[in-house]
PDB file of N, CA and C in Angstrom:
ATOM      1  N   UNK A   1      -6.000  -1.259  -8.036  1.00  0.00           N
ATOM      2  CA  UNK A   1      -5.569  -2.525  -7.493  1.00  0.00           C
ATOM      3  C   UNK A   1      -4.629  -3.237  -8.448  1.00  0.00           C
ATOM      4  N   UNK A   2      -4.699  -2.924  -9.722  1.00  0.00           N
ATOM      5  CA  UNK A   2      -3.831  -3.534 -10.705  1.00  0.00           C
ATOM      6  C   UNK A   2      -2.373  -3.169 -10.433  1.00  0.00           C
ATOM      7  N   UNK A   3      -2.113  -1.947 -10.005  1.00  0.00           N
ATOM      8  CA  UNK A   3      -0.766  -1.507  -9.688  1.00  0.00           C
ATOM      9  C   UNK A   3      -0.202  -2.306  -8.523  1.00  0.00           C
ATOM     10  N   UNK A   4      -1.041  -2.615  -7.558  1.00  0.00           N
ATOM     11  CA  UNK A   4      -0.597  -3.411  -6.413  1.00  0.00           C
ATOM     12  C   UNK A   4      -0.157  -4.801  -6.825  1.00  0.00           C
ATOM     13  N   UNK A   5      -0.883  -5.391  -7.776  1.00  0.00           N
ATOM     14  CA  UNK A   5      -0.507  -6.720  -8.259  1.00  0.00           C
ATOM     15  C   UNK A   5       0.814  -6.668  -9.008  1.00  0.00           C
ATOM     16  N   UNK A   6       1.011  -5.615  -9.790  1.00  0.00           N
ATOM     17  CA  UNK A   6       2.260  -5.474 -10.531  1.00  0.00           C
ATOM     18  C   UNK A   6       3.417  -5.301  -9.564  1.00  0.00           C
ATOM     19  N   UNK A   7       3.235  -4.455  -8.564  1.00  0.00           N
ATOM     20  CA  UNK A   7       4.283  -4.227  -7.568  1.00  0.00           C
ATOM     21  C   UNK A   7       4.616  -5.515  -6.825  1.00  0.00           C
ATOM     22  N   UNK A   8       3.604  -6.249  -6.442  1.00  0.00           N
ATOM     23  CA  UNK A   8       3.828  -7.507  -5.748  1.00  0.00           C
ATOM     24  C   UNK A   8       4.581  -8.492  -6.638  1.00  0.00           C
ATOM     25  N   UNK A   9       4.228  -8.543  -7.922  1.00  0.00           N
ATOM     26  CA  UNK A   9       4.917  -9.427  -8.860  1.00  0.00           C
ATOM     27  C   UNK A   9       6.377  -9.051  -9.033  1.00  0.00           C
ATOM     28  N   UNK A  10       6.650  -7.753  -9.127  1.00  0.00           N
ATOM     29  CA  UNK A  10       8.031  -7.290  -9.266  1.00  0.00           C
ATOM     30  C   UNK A  10       8.836  -7.643  -8.020  1.00  0.00           C
ATOM     31  N   UNK A  11       8.255  -7.388  -6.847  1.00  0.00           N
ATOM     32  CA  UNK A  11       8.953  -7.713  -5.596  1.00  0.00           C
ATOM     33  C   UNK A  11       9.209  -9.216  -5.470  1.00  0.00           C
ATOM     34  N   UNK A  12       8.227 -10.022  -5.839  1.00  0.00           N
ATOM     35  CA  UNK A  12       8.398 -11.477  -5.764  1.00  0.00           C
ATOM     36  C   UNK A  12       9.474 -11.939  -6.736  1.00  0.00           C
ATOM     37  N   UNK A  13       9.482 -11.376  -7.937  1.00  0.00           N
ATOM     38  CA  UNK A  13      10.507 -11.733  -8.921  1.00  0.00           C
ATOM     39  C   UNK A  13      11.890 -11.337  -8.464  1.00  0.00           C
ATOM     40  N   UNK A  14      12.011 -10.150  -7.898  1.00  0.00           N
ATOM     41  CA  UNK A  14      13.304  -9.694  -7.387  1.00  0.00           C
ATOM     42  C   UNK A  14      13.777 -10.590  -6.243  1.00  0.00           C
ATOM     43  N   UNK A  15      12.854 -10.950  -5.367  1.00  0.00           N
ATOM     44  CA  UNK A  15      13.208 -11.820  -4.240  1.00  0.00           C
ATOM     45  C   UNK A  15      13.658 -13.192  -4.730  1.00  0.00           C
ATOM     46  N   UNK A  16      12.932 -13.736  -5.690  1.00  0.00           N
ATOM     47  CA  UNK A  16      13.298 -15.046  -6.230  1.00  0.00           C
ATOM     48  C   UNK A  16      14.663 -14.991  -6.912  1.00  0.00           C
ATOM     49  N   UNK A  17      14.918 -13.938  -7.682  1.00  0.00           N
ATOM     50  CA  UNK A  17      16.216 -13.790  -8.343  1.00  0.00           C
ATOM     51  C   UNK A  17      17.348 -13.655  -7.358  1.00  0.00           C
ATOM     52  N   UNK A  18      17.146 -12.857  -6.328  1.00  0.00           N
ATOM     53  CA  UNK A  18      18.182 -12.688  -5.310  1.00  0.00           C
ATOM     54  C   UNK A  18      18.441 -13.993  -4.573  1.00  0.00           C
ATOM     55  N   UNK A  19      17.383 -14.707  -4.261  1.00  0.00           N
ATOM     56  CA  UNK A  19      17.524 -15.980  -3.554  1.00  0.00           C
ATOM     57  C   UNK A  19      18.291 -16.990  -4.393  1.00  0.00           C
ATOM     58  N   UNK A  20      17.945 -17.106  -5.669  1.00  0.00           N
ATOM     59  CA  UNK A  20      18.657 -18.037  -6.542  1.00  0.00           C
ATOM     60  C   UNK A  20      20.118 -17.631  -6.702  1.00  0.00           C
ATOM     61  N   UNK A  21      20.380 -16.353  -6.829  1.00  0.00           N
ATOM     62  CA  UNK A  21      21.754 -15.882  -6.948  1.00  0.00           C
ATOM     63  C   UNK A  21      22.574 -16.225  -5.725  1.00  0.00           C
ATOM     64  N   UNK A  22      21.976 -16.074  -4.562  1.00  0.00           N
ATOM     65  CA  UNK A  22      22.692 -16.392  -3.324  1.00  0.00           C
ATOM     66  C   UNK A  22      22.899 -17.895  -3.176  1.00  0.00           C
ATOM     67  N   UNK A  23      21.878 -18.671  -3.526  1.00  0.00           N
ATOM     68  CA  UNK A  23      21.983 -20.126  -3.370  1.00  0.00           C
ATOM     69  C   UNK A  23      23.041 -20.739  -4.277  1.00  0.00           C
ATOM     70  N   UNK A  24      23.241 -20.170  -5.446  1.00  0.00           N
ATOM     71  CA  UNK A  24      24.211 -20.720  -6.386  1.00  0.00           C
ATOM     72  C   UNK A  24      25.599 -20.111  -6.217  1.00  0.00           C
ATOM     73  N   UNK A  25      25.765 -19.184  -5.303  1.00  0.00           N
ATOM     74  CA  UNK A  25      27.073 -18.589  -5.041  1.00  0.00           C
ATOM     75  C   UNK A  25      27.920 -19.585  -4.247  1.00  0.00           C
ATOM     76  N   UNK A  26      29.204 -19.694  -4.589  1.00  0.00           N
ATOM     77  CA  UNK A  26      30.077 -20.669  -3.902  1.00  0.00           C
ATOM     78  C   UNK A  26      30.586 -20.131  -2.558  1.00  0.00           C
ATOM     79  N   UNK A  27      29.738 -20.160  -1.555  1.00  0.00           N
ATOM     80  CA  UNK A  27      30.123 -19.697  -0.223  1.00  0.00           C
ATOM     81  C   UNK A  27      29.711 -20.734   0.819  1.00  0.00           C
ATOM     82  N   UNK A  28      30.186 -20.520   2.034  1.00  0.00           N
ATOM     83  CA  UNK A  28      29.808 -21.413   3.125  1.00  0.00           C
ATOM     84  C   UNK A  28      28.312 -21.318   3.376  1.00  0.00           C
ATOM     85  N   UNK A  29      27.728 -22.393   3.839  1.00  0.00           N
ATOM     86  CA  UNK A  29      26.295 -22.435   4.120  1.00  0.00           C
ATOM     87  C   UNK A  29      25.853 -21.407   5.147  1.00  0.00           C
ATOM     88  N   UNK A  30      26.655 -21.215   6.193  1.00  0.00           N
ATOM     89  CA  UNK A  30      26.279 -20.246   7.227  1.00  0.00           C
ATOM     90  C   UNK A  30      26.269 -18.826   6.654  1.00  0.00           C
ATOM     91  N   UNK A  31      27.226 -18.518   5.781  1.00  0.00           N
ATOM     92  CA  UNK A  31      27.243 -17.196   5.153  1.00  0.00           C
ATOM     93  C   UNK A  31      26.027 -17.022   4.246  1.00  0.00           C
ATOM     94  N   UNK A  32      25.703 -18.073   3.514  1.00  0.00           N
ATOM     95  CA  UNK A  32      24.554 -18.011   2.611  1.00  0.00           C
ATOM     96  C   UNK A  32      23.264 -17.816   3.396  1.00  0.00           C
ATOM     97  N   UNK A  33      23.112 -18.535   4.501  1.00  0.00           N
ATOM     98  CA  UNK A  33      21.906 -18.390   5.327  1.00  0.00           C
ATOM     99  C   UNK A  33      21.805 -16.987   5.901  1.00  0.00           C
ATOM    100  N   UNK A  34      22.923 -16.400   6.307  1.00  0.00           N
ATOM    101  CA  UNK A  34      22.910 -15.026   6.821  1.00  0.00           C
ATOM    102  C   UNK A  34      22.473 -14.054   5.725  1.00  0.00           C
ATOM    103  N   UNK A  35      22.984 -14.259   4.523  1.00  0.00           N
ATOM    104  CA  UNK A  35      22.605 -13.374   3.411  1.00  0.00           C
ATOM    105  C   UNK A  35      21.117 -13.508   3.090  1.00  0.00           C
ATOM    106  N   UNK A  36      20.625 -14.747   3.087  1.00  0.00           N
ATOM    107  CA  UNK A  36      19.203 -14.971   2.814  1.00  0.00           C
ATOM    108  C   UNK A  36      18.351 -14.294   3.883  1.00  0.00           C
ATOM    109  N   UNK A  37      18.757 -14.439   5.127  1.00  0.00           N
ATOM    110  CA  UNK A  37      18.024 -13.824   6.229  1.00  0.00           C
ATOM    111  C   UNK A  37      18.027 -12.305   6.098  1.00  0.00           C
ATOM    112  N   UNK A  38      19.181 -11.736   5.786  1.00  0.00           N
ATOM    113  CA  UNK A  38      19.294 -10.277   5.634  1.00  0.00           C
ATOM    114  C   UNK A  38      18.429  -9.784   4.477  1.00  0.00           C
ATOM    115  N   UNK A  39      18.464 -10.482   3.345  1.00  0.00           N
ATOM    116  CA  UNK A  39      17.644 -10.085   2.195  1.00  0.00           C
ATOM    117  C   UNK A  39      16.163 -10.180   2.549  1.00  0.00           C
ATOM    118  N   UNK A  40      15.780 -11.223   3.256  1.00  0.00           N
ATOM    119  CA  UNK A  40      14.382 -11.372   3.680  1.00  0.00           C
ATOM    120  C   UNK A  40      13.939 -10.218   4.556  1.00  0.00           C
ATOM    121  N   UNK A  41      14.801  -9.813   5.478  1.00  0.00           N
ATOM    122  CA  UNK A  41      14.485  -8.678   6.343  1.00  0.00           C
ATOM    123  C   UNK A  41      14.368  -7.391   5.523  1.00  0.00           C
ATOM    124  N   UNK A  42      15.291  -7.216   4.567  1.00  0.00           N
ATOM    125  CA  UNK A  42      15.242  -6.018   3.712  1.00  0.00           C
ATOM    126  C   UNK A  42      13.944  -5.971   2.914  1.00  0.00           C
ATOM    127  N   UNK A  43      13.569  -7.097   2.322  1.00  0.00           N
ATOM    128  CA  UNK A  43      12.336  -7.144   1.531  1.00  0.00           C
ATOM    129  C   UNK A  43      11.104  -6.944   2.417  1.00  0.00           C
ATOM    130  N   UNK A  44      11.123  -7.507   3.604  1.00  0.00           N
ATOM    131  CA  UNK A  44       9.991  -7.338   4.522  1.00  0.00           C
ATOM    132  C   UNK A  44       9.853  -5.868   4.919  1.00  0.00           C
ATOM    133  N   UNK A  45      10.966  -5.204   5.187  1.00  0.00           N
ATOM    134  CA  UNK A  45      10.928  -3.786   5.550  1.00  0.00           C
ATOM    135  C   UNK A  45      10.411  -2.949   4.381  1.00  0.00           C
ATOM    136  N   UNK A  46      10.877  -3.265   3.183  1.00  0.00           N
ATOM    137  CA  UNK A  46      10.417  -2.540   1.991  1.00  0.00           C
ATOM    138  C   UNK A  46       8.924  -2.740   1.783  1.00  0.00           C
ATOM    139  N   UNK A  47       8.463  -3.961   1.974  1.00  0.00           N
ATOM    140  CA  UNK A  47       7.042  -4.258   1.811  1.00  0.00           C
ATOM    141  C   UNK A  47       6.209  -3.523   2.859  1.00  0.00           C
ATOM    142  N   UNK A  48       6.703  -3.445   4.084  1.00  0.00           N
ATOM    143  CA  UNK A  48       6.003  -2.710   5.144  1.00  0.00           C
ATOM    144  C   UNK A  48       5.879  -1.234   4.774  1.00  0.00           C
ATOM    145  N   UNK A  49       6.972  -0.666   4.247  1.00  0.00           N
ATOM    146  CA  UNK A  49       6.942   0.742   3.862  1.00  0.00           C
ATOM    147  C   UNK A  49       5.918   0.978   2.757  1.00  0.00           C
ATOM    148  N   UNK A  50       5.913   0.109   1.749  1.00  0.00           N
ATOM    149  CA  UNK A  50       4.960   0.255   0.645  1.00  0.00           C
ATOM    150  C   UNK A  50       3.527   0.105   1.154  1.00  0.00           C
ATOM    151  N   UNK A  51       3.309  -0.839   2.058  1.00  0.00           N
ATOM    152  CA  UNK A  51       1.976  -1.049   2.617  1.00  0.00           C
ATOM    153  C   UNK A  51       1.524   0.174   3.404  1.00  0.00           C
ATOM    154  N   UNK A  52       2.440   0.742   4.202  1.00  0.00           N
ATOM    155  CA  UNK A  52       2.094   1.934   4.978  1.00  0.00           C
ATOM    156  C   UNK A  52       1.779   3.117   4.067  1.00  0.00           C
ATOM    157  N   UNK A  53       2.524   3.252   2.961  1.00  0.00           N
ATOM    158  CA  UNK A  53       2.224   4.308   1.995  1.00  0.00           C
ATOM    159  C   UNK A  53       0.838   4.095   1.391  1.00  0.00           C
ATOM    160  N   UNK A  54       0.524   2.848   1.062  1.00  0.00           N
ATOM    161  CA  UNK A  54      -0.774   2.517   0.481  1.00  0.00           C
ATOM    162  C   UNK A  54      -1.901   2.832   1.461  1.00  0.00           C
ATOM    163  N   UNK A  55      -1.729   2.415   2.707  1.00  0.00           N
ATOM    164  CA  UNK A  55      -2.748   2.673   3.730  1.00  0.00           C
ATOM    165  C   UNK A  55      -2.911   4.177   3.941  1.00  0.00           C
ATOM    166  N   UNK A  56      -1.813   4.902   3.953  1.00  0.00           N
ATOM    167  CA  UNK A  56      -1.880   6.347   4.122  1.00  0.00           C
ATOM    168  C   UNK A  56      -2.632   7.020   2.981  1.00  0.00           C
ATOM    169  N   UNK A  57      -2.356   6.589   1.758  1.00  0.00           N
ATOM    170  CA  UNK A  57      -3.054   7.200   0.618  1.00  0.00           C
ATOM    171  C   UNK A  57      -4.539   6.843   0.639  1.00  0.00           C
ATOM    172  N   UNK A  58      -4.869   5.628   1.034  1.00  0.00           N
ATOM    173  CA  UNK A  58      -6.283   5.243   1.130  1.00  0.00           C
ATOM    174  C   UNK A  58      -6.990   6.034   2.220  1.00  0.00           C
ATOM    175  N   UNK A  59      -6.300   6.283   3.338  1.00  0.00           N
ATOM    176  CA  UNK A  59      -6.897   7.071   4.419  1.00  0.00           C
ATOM    177  C   UNK A  59      -7.160   8.504   3.956  1.00  0.00           C
ATOM    178  N   UNK A  60      -6.215   9.061   3.202  1.00  0.00           N
ATOM    179  CA  UNK A  60      -6.410  10.414   2.677  1.00  0.00           C
ATOM    180  C   UNK A  60      -7.608  10.460   1.730  1.00  0.00           C
ATOM    181  N   UNK A  61      -7.708   9.478   0.854  1.00  0.00           N
ATOM    182  CA  UNK A  61      -8.825   9.438  -0.091  1.00  0.00           C
ATOM    183  C   UNK A  61     -10.146   9.261   0.648  1.00  0.00           C
ATOM    184  N   UNK A  62     -10.148   8.425   1.672  1.00  0.00           N
ATOM    185  CA  UNK A  62     -11.355   8.211   2.461  1.00  0.00           C
ATOM    186  C   UNK A  62     -11.797   9.511   3.120  1.00  0.00           C
ATOM    187  N   UNK A  63     -10.837  10.224   3.717  1.00  0.00           N
ATOM    188  CA  UNK A  63     -11.171  11.498   4.364  1.00  0.00           C
ATOM    189  C   UNK A  63     -11.703  12.507   3.355  1.00  0.00           C
ATOM    190  N   UNK A  64     -11.116  12.521   2.175  1.00  0.00           N
ATOM    191  CA  UNK A  64     -11.567  13.441   1.135  1.00  0.00           C
ATOM    192  C   UNK A  64     -12.999  13.127   0.712  1.00  0.00           C
ATOM    193  N   UNK A  65     -13.294  11.850   0.493  1.00  0.00           N
ATOM    194  CA  UNK A  65     -14.646  11.455   0.099  1.00  0.00           C
ATOM    195  C   UNK A  65     -15.629  11.746   1.219  1.00  0.00           C
ATOM    196  N   UNK A  66     -15.231  11.486   2.443  1.00  0.00           N
ATOM    197  CA  UNK A  66     -16.094  11.754   3.597  1.00  0.00           C
ATOM    198  C   UNK A  66     -16.427  13.246   3.681  1.00  0.00           C
ATOM    199  N   UNK A  67     -15.441  14.088   3.437  1.00  0.00           N
ATOM    200  CA  UNK A  67     -15.668  15.535   3.466  1.00  0.00           C
ATOM    201  C   UNK A  67     -16.602  15.960   2.328  1.00  0.00           C
ATOM    202  N   UNK A  68     -16.402  15.389   1.142  1.00  0.00           N
ATOM    203  CA  UNK A  68     -17.271  15.729   0.011  1.00  0.00           C
ATOM    204  C   UNK A  68     -18.715  15.309   0.274  1.00  0.00           C
ATOM    205  N   UNK A  69     -18.903  14.136   0.861  1.00  0.00           N
ATOM    206  CA  UNK A  69     -20.251  13.668   1.185  1.00  0.00           C
ATOM    207  C   UNK A  69     -20.881  14.572   2.235  1.00  0.00           C
ATOM    208  N   UNK A  70     -20.093  14.973   3.214  1.00  0.00           N
ATOM    209  CA  UNK A  70     -20.596  15.868   4.255  1.00  0.00           C
ATOM    210  C   UNK A  70     -21.012  17.212   3.650  1.00  0.00           C
ATOM    211  N   UNK A  71     -20.192  17.732   2.757  1.00  0.00           N
ATOM    212  CA  UNK A  71     -20.529  19.004   2.094  1.00  0.00           C
ATOM    213  C   UNK A  71     -21.804  18.864   1.273  1.00  0.00           C
ATOM    214  N   UNK A  72     -21.925  17.761   0.553  1.00  0.00           N
ATOM    215  CA  UNK A  72     -23.113  17.526  -0.267  1.00  0.00           C
ATOM    216  C   UNK A  72     -24.353  17.406   0.611  1.00  0.00           C
ATOM    217  N   UNK A  73     -24.245  16.704   1.714  1.00  0.00           N
ATOM    218  CA  UNK A  73     -25.371  16.543   2.636  1.00  0.00           C
ATOM    219  C   UNK A  73     -25.775  17.887   3.231  1.00  0.00           C
ATOM    220  N   UNK A  74     -24.782  18.697   3.619  1.00  0.00           N
ATOM    221  CA  UNK A  74     -25.075  20.032   4.153  1.00  0.00           C
ATOM    222  C   UNK A  74     -25.798  20.887   3.111  1.00  0.00           C
ATOM    223  N   UNK A  75     -25.339  20.815   1.881  1.00  0.00           N
ATOM    224  CA  UNK A  75     -25.969  21.591   0.808  1.00  0.00           C
ATOM    225  C   UNK A  75     -27.416  21.141   0.592  1.00  0.00           C
ATOM    226  N   UNK A  76     -27.623  19.844   0.551  1.00  0.00           N
ATOM    227  CA  UNK A  76     -28.978  19.323   0.343  1.00  0.00           C
ATOM    228  C   UNK A  76     -29.894  19.719   1.507  1.00  0.00           C
ATOM    229  N   UNK A  77     -29.378  19.709   2.710  1.00  0.00           N
ATOM    230  CA  UNK A  77     -30.166  20.103   3.879  1.00  0.00           C
ATOM    231  C   UNK A  77     -30.562  21.573   3.784  1.00  0.00           C
ATOM    232  N   UNK A  78     -29.607  22.428   3.367  1.00  0.00           N
ATOM    233  CA  UNK A  78     -29.914  23.853   3.219  1.00  0.00           C
ATOM    234  C   UNK A  78     -30.983  24.077   2.151  1.00  0.00           C
ATOM    235  N   UNK A  79     -30.883  23.361   1.037  1.00  0.00           N
ATOM    236  CA  UNK A  79     -31.855  23.507  -0.048  1.00  0.00           C
ATOM    237  C   UNK A  79     -33.244  23.088   0.432  1.00  0.00           C
ATOM    238  N   UNK A  80     -33.327  21.966   1.119  1.00  0.00           N
ATOM    239  CA  UNK A  80     -34.620  21.495   1.608  1.00  0.00           C
ATOM    240  C   UNK A  80     -35.195  22.447   2.662  1.00  0.00           C
ATOM    241  N   UNK A  81     -34.343  23.004   3.481  1.00  0.00           N
ATOM    242  CA  UNK A  81     -34.810  23.966   4.487  1.00  0.00           C
ATOM    243  C   UNK A  81     -35.370  25.204   3.816  1.00  0.00           C
ATOM    244  N   UNK A  82     -34.680  25.704   2.807  1.00  0.00           N
ATOM    245  CA  UNK A  82     -35.166  26.874   2.079  1.00  0.00           C
ATOM    246  C   UNK A  82     -36.480  26.582   1.361  1.00  0.00           C
ATOM    247  N   UNK A  83     -36.605  25.386   0.785  1.00  0.00           N
ATOM    248  CA  UNK A  83     -37.855  24.993   0.116  1.00  0.00           C
ATOM    249  C   UNK A  83     -38.994  24.913   1.133  1.00  0.00           C
ATOM    250  N   UNK A  84     -38.712  24.392   2.323  1.00  0.00           N
ATOM    251  CA  UNK A  84     -39.729  24.287   3.350  1.00  0.00           C
ATOM    252  C   UNK A  84     -40.184  25.671   3.824  1.00  0.00           C
ATOM    253  N   UNK A  85     -39.250  26.603   3.926  1.00  0.00           N
ATOM    254  CA  UNK A  85     -39.592  27.952   4.338  1.00  0.00           C
ATOM    255  C   UNK A  85     -40.467  28.631   3.295  1.00  0.00           C
ATOM    256  N   UNK A  86     -40.185  28.375   2.019  1.00  0.00           N
ATOM    257  CA  UNK A  86     -40.965  28.981   0.936  1.00  0.00           C
ATOM    258  C   UNK A  86     -42.380  28.398   0.880  1.00  0.00           C
ATOM    259  N   UNK A  87     -42.483  27.147   1.249  1.00  0.00           N
ATOM    260  CA  UNK A  87     -43.795  26.483   1.174  1.00  0.00           C
ATOM    261  C   UNK A  87     -44.616  26.825   2.349  1.00  0.00           C
TER     262      UNK A  87
END
C-alpha cells in the first residue's frame, strides 16, 4: 500500500505542476481552460489505467491464495481420511 501512496503523491505533484504552468502561461483564458480540461482528462485516464492494473494484480493474487487454500484443504482432508481408515 505504500507504493500506492507514493504513486498518488507523484501524480498529484505532476498535476499541480502542470496546472500552475498552464495558469501562468500568457494565453487566452479559453485556451487555458481547454488545456486544463485536456490535462485533467489525460490524468484521469492514466489514473483509471493504474487502478485497473492494481485491481487486476489483486484479483490474480486472490485467485492464487484461493487455490493454495483449496489445495491445503484437500491435502488435510486426504490425511484425515487416511487416519480414519487406519483407526
